[in-house]
Every structure is written in C-alpha cells, then in structure tokens.
Amino acid sequence: MRLIVNGESISITHMGPDFLFIESANDHPPGDAKIVLQVDQSERCWNVHLPDGISAASNRVAIAASV
C-alpha cells in the first residue's frame, strides 16, 4: 500500500477506517492524496482527503473521504 501526496510515494504500514500509519515522511499541509493498493498484478486506487496533513513527527495520518 502506498500513499501518493504531491507526487511523493509513501509506504503505508497499517490502515484503519479513518487513519493510516505510514513510514517516515516529510511534512505536508492538509489536502488531497491517493491510496494505491496493489496485490500481485491487481491494483486499486482511491482518493482521500488529509484533513490534518502529514507531520514528520508522527507516523499516524488522519484520512477522510475525498469531496
């Protein structure tokens, strides 16, 4: 699983209904992103909103449905 934010690909380690845990990343302001889930040759993508952005100090990221 990967989170794509402003062209940067960040590995997702865990995913819940309204949050993600990611590997370390740079700070990003609130905005839109894309989750990419790939299993073998099958890939699924969906858009999400990051209401609090990403903080380099934390690996937990809040997500919400993209409007």
PDB file of N, CA and C in Angstrom:
ATOM      1  N   MET A   1       0.853  -1.175   0.000  1.00  0.00           N
ATOM      2  CA  MET A   1       0.000   0.000   0.000  1.00  0.00           C
ATOM      3  C   MET A   1       0.893   1.230   0.000  1.00  0.00           C
ATOM      4  N   ARG A   2       0.456   2.221  -0.744  1.00  0.00           N
ATOM      5  CA  ARG A   2       1.204   3.471  -0.835  1.00  0.00           C
ATOM      6  C   ARG A   2       0.238   4.649  -0.759  1.00  0.00           C
ATOM      7  N   LEU A   3       0.733   5.735  -0.215  1.00  0.00           N
ATOM      8  CA  LEU A   3       0.013   6.999  -0.190  1.00  0.00           C
ATOM      9  C   LEU A   3       0.761   7.941  -1.117  1.00  0.00           C
ATOM     10  N   ILE A   4       0.062   8.483  -2.096  1.00  0.00           N
ATOM     11  CA  ILE A   4       0.680   9.414  -3.041  1.00  0.00           C
ATOM     12  C   ILE A   4       0.228  10.822  -2.669  1.00  0.00           C
ATOM     13  N   VAL A   5       1.199  11.659  -2.288  1.00  0.00           N
ATOM     14  CA  VAL A   5       0.925  13.036  -1.882  1.00  0.00           C
ATOM     15  C   VAL A   5       1.864  13.955  -2.657  1.00  0.00           C
ATOM     16  N   ASN A   6       1.299  14.833  -3.457  1.00  0.00           N
ATOM     17  CA  ASN A   6       2.097  15.777  -4.246  1.00  0.00           C
ATOM     18  C   ASN A   6       3.222  15.079  -5.002  1.00  0.00           C
ATOM     19  N   GLY A   7       2.925  13.915  -5.577  1.00  0.00           N
ATOM     20  CA  GLY A   7       3.911  13.174  -6.351  1.00  0.00           C
ATOM     21  C   GLY A   7       4.854  12.315  -5.527  1.00  0.00           C
ATOM     22  N   GLU A   8       4.803  12.419  -4.216  1.00  0.00           N
ATOM     23  CA  GLU A   8       5.656  11.617  -3.326  1.00  0.00           C
ATOM     24  C   GLU A   8       4.924  10.333  -2.947  1.00  0.00           C
ATOM     25  N   SER A   9       5.606   9.203  -3.058  1.00  0.00           N
ATOM     26  CA  SER A   9       5.043   7.905  -2.700  1.00  0.00           C
ATOM     27  C   SER A   9       5.537   7.522  -1.307  1.00  0.00           C
ATOM     28  N   ILE A  10       4.595   7.296  -0.392  1.00  0.00           N
ATOM     29  CA  ILE A  10       4.912   6.981   0.996  1.00  0.00           C
ATOM     30  C   ILE A  10       4.312   5.620   1.325  1.00  0.00           C
ATOM     31  N   SER A  11       5.108   4.721   1.877  1.00  0.00           N
ATOM     32  CA  SER A  11       4.613   3.385   2.221  1.00  0.00           C
ATOM     33  C   SER A  11       3.647   3.445   3.397  1.00  0.00           C
ATOM     34  N   ILE A  12       2.523   2.743   3.258  1.00  0.00           N
ATOM     35  CA  ILE A  12       1.527   2.618   4.332  1.00  0.00           C
ATOM     36  C   ILE A  12       1.798   1.299   5.042  1.00  0.00           C
ATOM     37  N   THR A  13       1.947   1.343   6.361  1.00  0.00           N
ATOM     38  CA  THR A  13       2.196   0.118   7.111  1.00  0.00           C
ATOM     39  C   THR A  13       0.909  -0.487   7.665  1.00  0.00           C
ATOM     40  N   HIS A  14      -0.058   0.347   8.027  1.00  0.00           N
ATOM     41  CA  HIS A  14      -1.361  -0.106   8.543  1.00  0.00           C
ATOM     42  C   HIS A  14      -2.427   0.880   8.087  1.00  0.00           C
ATOM     43  N   MET A  15      -3.658   0.376   7.925  1.00  0.00           N
ATOM     44  CA  MET A  15      -4.742   1.257   7.520  1.00  0.00           C
ATOM     45  C   MET A  15      -5.986   0.936   8.330  1.00  0.00           C
ATOM     46  N   GLY A  16      -6.639   1.972   8.858  1.00  0.00           N
ATOM     47  CA  GLY A  16      -7.901   1.843   9.563  1.00  0.00           C
ATOM     48  C   GLY A  16      -8.975   2.595   8.801  1.00  0.00           C
ATOM     49  N   PRO A  17     -10.178   2.688   9.354  1.00  0.00           N
ATOM     50  CA  PRO A  17     -11.282   3.323   8.633  1.00  0.00           C
ATOM     51  C   PRO A  17     -11.093   4.830   8.414  1.00  0.00           C
ATOM     52  N   ASP A  18     -10.374   5.490   9.325  1.00  0.00           N
ATOM     53  CA  ASP A  18     -10.184   6.939   9.183  1.00  0.00           C
ATOM     54  C   ASP A  18      -8.759   7.383   9.501  1.00  0.00           C
ATOM     55  N   PHE A  19      -7.809   6.451   9.386  1.00  0.00           N
ATOM     56  CA  PHE A  19      -6.413   6.792   9.642  1.00  0.00           C
ATOM     57  C   PHE A  19      -5.491   5.813   8.924  1.00  0.00           C
ATOM     58  N   LEU A  20      -4.244   6.227   8.781  1.00  0.00           N
ATOM     59  CA  LEU A  20      -3.181   5.392   8.232  1.00  0.00           C
ATOM     60  C   LEU A  20      -1.984   5.483   9.152  1.00  0.00           C
ATOM     61  N   PHE A  21      -1.166   4.459   9.149  1.00  0.00           N
ATOM     62  CA  PHE A  21       0.165   4.545   9.721  1.00  0.00           C
ATOM     63  C   PHE A  21       1.123   4.425   8.555  1.00  0.00           C
ATOM     64  N   ILE A  22       2.054   5.362   8.456  1.00  0.00           N
ATOM     65  CA  ILE A  22       2.972   5.408   7.329  1.00  0.00           C
ATOM     66  C   ILE A  22       4.407   5.307   7.807  1.00  0.00           C
ATOM     67  N   GLU A  23       5.296   4.972   6.869  1.00  0.00           N
ATOM     68  CA  GLU A  23       6.710   5.076   7.164  1.00  0.00           C
ATOM     69  C   GLU A  23       7.042   6.560   7.213  1.00  0.00           C
ATOM     70  N   SER A  24       8.197   6.901   7.688  1.00  0.00           N
ATOM     71  CA  SER A  24       8.543   8.315   7.864  1.00  0.00           C
ATOM     72  C   SER A  24       8.348   9.103   6.564  1.00  0.00           C
ATOM     73  N   ALA A  25       7.928  10.346   6.725  1.00  0.00           N
ATOM     74  CA  ALA A  25       7.656  11.212   5.574  1.00  0.00           C
ATOM     75  C   ALA A  25       7.937  12.654   5.944  1.00  0.00           C
ATOM     76  N   ASN A  26       7.953  13.500   4.944  1.00  0.00           N
ATOM     77  CA  ASN A  26       8.104  14.935   5.155  1.00  0.00           C
ATOM     78  C   ASN A  26       6.772  15.534   5.585  1.00  0.00           C
ATOM     79  N   ASP A  27       6.825  16.753   6.107  1.00  0.00           N
ATOM     80  CA  ASP A  27       5.599  17.473   6.432  1.00  0.00           C
ATOM     81  C   ASP A  27       4.832  17.784   5.147  1.00  0.00           C
ATOM     82  N   HIS A  28       3.520  17.656   5.210  1.00  0.00           N
ATOM     83  CA  HIS A  28       2.634  18.028   4.103  1.00  0.00           C
ATOM     84  C   HIS A  28       1.429  18.738   4.708  1.00  0.00           C
ATOM     85  N   PRO A  29       0.969  19.821   4.101  1.00  0.00           N
ATOM     86  CA  PRO A  29      -0.217  20.517   4.610  1.00  0.00           C
ATOM     87  C   PRO A  29      -1.478  19.700   4.308  1.00  0.00           C
ATOM     88  N   PRO A  30      -2.597  20.059   4.922  1.00  0.00           N
ATOM     89  CA  PRO A  30      -3.859  19.392   4.597  1.00  0.00           C
ATOM     90  C   PRO A  30      -4.133  19.476   3.093  1.00  0.00           C
ATOM     91  N   GLY A  31      -4.734  18.429   2.563  1.00  0.00           N
ATOM     92  CA  GLY A  31      -5.034  18.409   1.131  1.00  0.00           C
ATOM     93  C   GLY A  31      -5.453  17.029   0.690  1.00  0.00           C
ATOM     94  N   ASP A  32      -5.471  16.842  -0.616  1.00  0.00           N
ATOM     95  CA  ASP A  32      -5.906  15.575  -1.194  1.00  0.00           C
ATOM     96  C   ASP A  32      -4.719  14.676  -1.482  1.00  0.00           C
ATOM     97  N   ALA A  33      -4.984  13.362  -1.479  1.00  0.00           N
ATOM     98  CA  ALA A  33      -3.963  12.363  -1.762  1.00  0.00           C
ATOM     99  C   ALA A  33      -4.645  11.161  -2.394  1.00  0.00           C
ATOM    100  N   LYS A  34      -3.852  10.164  -2.748  1.00  0.00           N
ATOM    101  CA  LYS A  34      -4.380   8.949  -3.348  1.00  0.00           C
ATOM    102  C   LYS A  34      -3.764   7.752  -2.649  1.00  0.00           C
ATOM    103  N   ILE A  35      -4.596   6.744  -2.344  1.00  0.00           N
ATOM    104  CA  ILE A  35      -4.113   5.478  -1.806  1.00  0.00           C
ATOM    105  C   ILE A  35      -4.060   4.482  -2.954  1.00  0.00           C
ATOM    106  N   VAL A  36      -2.943   3.770  -3.039  1.00  0.00           N
ATOM    107  CA  VAL A  36      -2.764   2.740  -4.057  1.00  0.00           C
ATOM    108  C   VAL A  36      -2.553   1.414  -3.338  1.00  0.00           C
ATOM    109  N   LEU A  37      -3.423   0.452  -3.641  1.00  0.00           N
ATOM    110  CA  LEU A  37      -3.332  -0.890  -3.074  1.00  0.00           C
ATOM    111  C   LEU A  37      -3.034  -1.851  -4.212  1.00  0.00           C
ATOM    112  N   GLN A  38      -1.890  -2.535  -4.130  1.00  0.00           N
ATOM    113  CA  GLN A  38      -1.513  -3.467  -5.178  1.00  0.00           C
ATOM    114  C   GLN A  38      -1.282  -4.846  -4.571  1.00  0.00           C
ATOM    115  N   VAL A  39      -1.977  -5.847  -5.141  1.00  0.00           N
ATOM    116  CA  VAL A  39      -1.802  -7.242  -4.755  1.00  0.00           C
ATOM    117  C   VAL A  39      -1.519  -8.010  -6.031  1.00  0.00           C
ATOM    118  N   ASP A  40      -0.351  -8.606  -6.107  1.00  0.00           N
ATOM    119  CA  ASP A  40       0.102  -9.291  -7.324  1.00  0.00           C
ATOM    120  C   ASP A  40      -0.018  -8.320  -8.497  1.00  0.00           C
ATOM    121  N   GLN A  41      -0.785  -8.657  -9.513  1.00  0.00           N
ATOM    122  CA  GLN A  41      -0.923  -7.800 -10.697  1.00  0.00           C
ATOM    123  C   GLN A  41      -2.169  -6.913 -10.643  1.00  0.00           C
ATOM    124  N   SER A  42      -2.929  -6.993  -9.556  1.00  0.00           N
ATOM    125  CA  SER A  42      -4.156  -6.207  -9.430  1.00  0.00           C
ATOM    126  C   SER A  42      -3.890  -4.945  -8.612  1.00  0.00           C
ATOM    127  N   GLU A  43      -4.351  -3.812  -9.123  1.00  0.00           N
ATOM    128  CA  GLU A  43      -4.139  -2.534  -8.434  1.00  0.00           C
ATOM    129  C   GLU A  43      -5.461  -1.796  -8.292  1.00  0.00           C
ATOM    130  N   ARG A  44      -5.680  -1.234  -7.116  1.00  0.00           N
ATOM    131  CA  ARG A  44      -6.877  -0.424  -6.860  1.00  0.00           C
ATOM    132  C   ARG A  44      -6.418   0.913  -6.286  1.00  0.00           C
ATOM    133  N   CYS A  45      -7.010   2.004  -6.751  1.00  0.00           N
ATOM    134  CA  CYS A  45      -6.656   3.348  -6.285  1.00  0.00           C
ATOM    135  C   CYS A  45      -7.913   4.082  -5.860  1.00  0.00           C
ATOM    136  N   TRP A  46      -7.805   4.916  -4.833  1.00  0.00           N
ATOM    137  CA  TRP A  46      -8.912   5.793  -4.477  1.00  0.00           C
ATOM    138  C   TRP A  46      -8.367   7.056  -3.843  1.00  0.00           C
ATOM    139  N   ASN A  47      -9.134   8.126  -4.011  1.00  0.00           N
ATOM    140  CA  ASN A  47      -8.753   9.438  -3.497  1.00  0.00           C
ATOM    141  C   ASN A  47      -9.219   9.604  -2.063  1.00  0.00           C
ATOM    142  N   VAL A  48      -8.396  10.273  -1.265  1.00  0.00           N
ATOM    143  CA  VAL A  48      -8.722  10.581   0.126  1.00  0.00           C
ATOM    144  C   VAL A  48      -8.344  12.033   0.398  1.00  0.00           C
ATOM    145  N   HIS A  49      -8.870  12.546   1.495  1.00  0.00           N
ATOM    146  CA  HIS A  49      -8.512  13.884   1.957  1.00  0.00           C
ATOM    147  C   HIS A  49      -7.715  13.728   3.251  1.00  0.00           C
ATOM    148  N   LEU A  50      -6.661  14.501   3.404  1.00  0.00           N
ATOM    149  CA  LEU A  50      -5.845  14.501   4.618  1.00  0.00           C
ATOM    150  C   LEU A  50      -6.188  15.776   5.395  1.00  0.00           C
ATOM    151  N   PRO A  51      -7.186  15.708   6.304  1.00  0.00           N
ATOM    152  CA  PRO A  51      -7.675  16.920   6.966  1.00  0.00           C
ATOM    153  C   PRO A  51      -6.630  17.603   7.838  1.00  0.00           C
ATOM    154  N   ASP A  52      -5.684  16.837   8.358  1.00  0.00           N
ATOM    155  CA  ASP A  52      -4.636  17.410   9.220  1.00  0.00           C
ATOM    156  C   ASP A  52      -3.278  17.422   8.543  1.00  0.00           C
ATOM    157  N   GLY A  53      -3.223  16.999   7.289  1.00  0.00           N
ATOM    158  CA  GLY A  53      -1.948  16.911   6.599  1.00  0.00           C
ATOM    159  C   GLY A  53      -1.099  15.794   7.176  1.00  0.00           C
ATOM    160  N   ILE A  54       0.221  15.877   6.941  1.00  0.00           N
ATOM    161  CA  ILE A  54       1.169  14.890   7.456  1.00  0.00           C
ATOM    162  C   ILE A  54       2.230  15.630   8.256  1.00  0.00           C
ATOM    163  N   SER A  55       2.531  15.124   9.437  1.00  0.00           N
ATOM    164  CA  SER A  55       3.590  15.685  10.272  1.00  0.00           C
ATOM    165  C   SER A  55       4.769  14.720  10.281  1.00  0.00           C
ATOM    166  N   ALA A  56       5.966  15.211  10.022  1.00  0.00           N
ATOM    167  CA  ALA A  56       7.164  14.372  10.052  1.00  0.00           C
ATOM    168  C   ALA A  56       7.395  13.800  11.447  1.00  0.00           C
ATOM    169  N   ALA A  57       6.788  14.407  12.470  1.00  0.00           N
ATOM    170  CA  ALA A  57       6.973  13.966  13.850  1.00  0.00           C
ATOM    171  C   ALA A  57       6.073  12.788  14.224  1.00  0.00           C
ATOM    172  N   SER A  58       5.120  12.414  13.366  1.00  0.00           N
ATOM    173  CA  SER A  58       4.172  11.351  13.684  1.00  0.00           C
ATOM    174  C   SER A  58       3.962  10.456  12.469  1.00  0.00           C
ATOM    175  N   ASN A  59       3.777   9.158  12.710  1.00  0.00           N
ATOM    176  CA  ASN A  59       3.509   8.274  11.579  1.00  0.00           C
ATOM    177  C   ASN A  59       2.021   7.983  11.421  1.00  0.00           C
ATOM    178  N   ARG A  60       1.159   8.602  12.231  1.00  0.00           N
ATOM    179  CA  ARG A  60      -0.288   8.436  12.121  1.00  0.00           C
ATOM    180  C   ARG A  60      -0.855   9.586  11.309  1.00  0.00           C
ATOM    181  N   VAL A  61      -1.674   9.272  10.321  1.00  0.00           N
ATOM    182  CA  VAL A  61      -2.244  10.276   9.413  1.00  0.00           C
ATOM    183  C   VAL A  61      -3.755  10.089   9.374  1.00  0.00           C
ATOM    184  N   ALA A  62      -4.498  11.137   9.673  1.00  0.00           N
ATOM    185  CA  ALA A  62      -5.963  11.089   9.573  1.00  0.00           C
ATOM    186  C   ALA A  62      -6.366  11.172   8.109  1.00  0.00           C
ATOM    187  N   ILE A  63      -7.385  10.361   7.724  1.00  0.00           N
ATOM    188  CA  ILE A  63      -7.904  10.426   6.363  1.00  0.00           C
ATOM    189  C   ILE A  63      -9.418  10.584   6.416  1.00  0.00           C
ATOM    190  N   ALA A  64      -9.961  11.153   5.362  1.00  0.00           N
ATOM    191  CA  ALA A  64     -11.405  11.314   5.221  1.00  0.00           C
ATOM    192  C   ALA A  64     -11.754  11.110   3.756  1.00  0.00           C
ATOM    193  N   ALA A  65     -13.024  10.888   3.495  1.00  0.00           N
ATOM    194  CA  ALA A  65     -13.473  10.728   2.111  1.00  0.00           C
ATOM    195  C   ALA A  65     -13.174  12.002   1.342  1.00  0.00           C
ATOM    196  N   SER A  66     -12.699  11.833   0.128  1.00  0.00           N
ATOM    197  CA  SER A  66     -12.419  12.975  -0.732  1.00  0.00           C
ATOM    198  C   SER A  66     -13.723  13.534  -1.264  1.00  0.00           C
ATOM    199  N   VAL A  67     -13.830  14.848  -1.269  1.00  0.00           N
ATOM    200  CA  VAL A  67     -15.054  15.506  -1.725  1.00  0.00           C
ATOM    201  C   VAL A  67     -14.995  15.769  -3.214  1.00  0.00           C
TER     202      VAL A  67
END
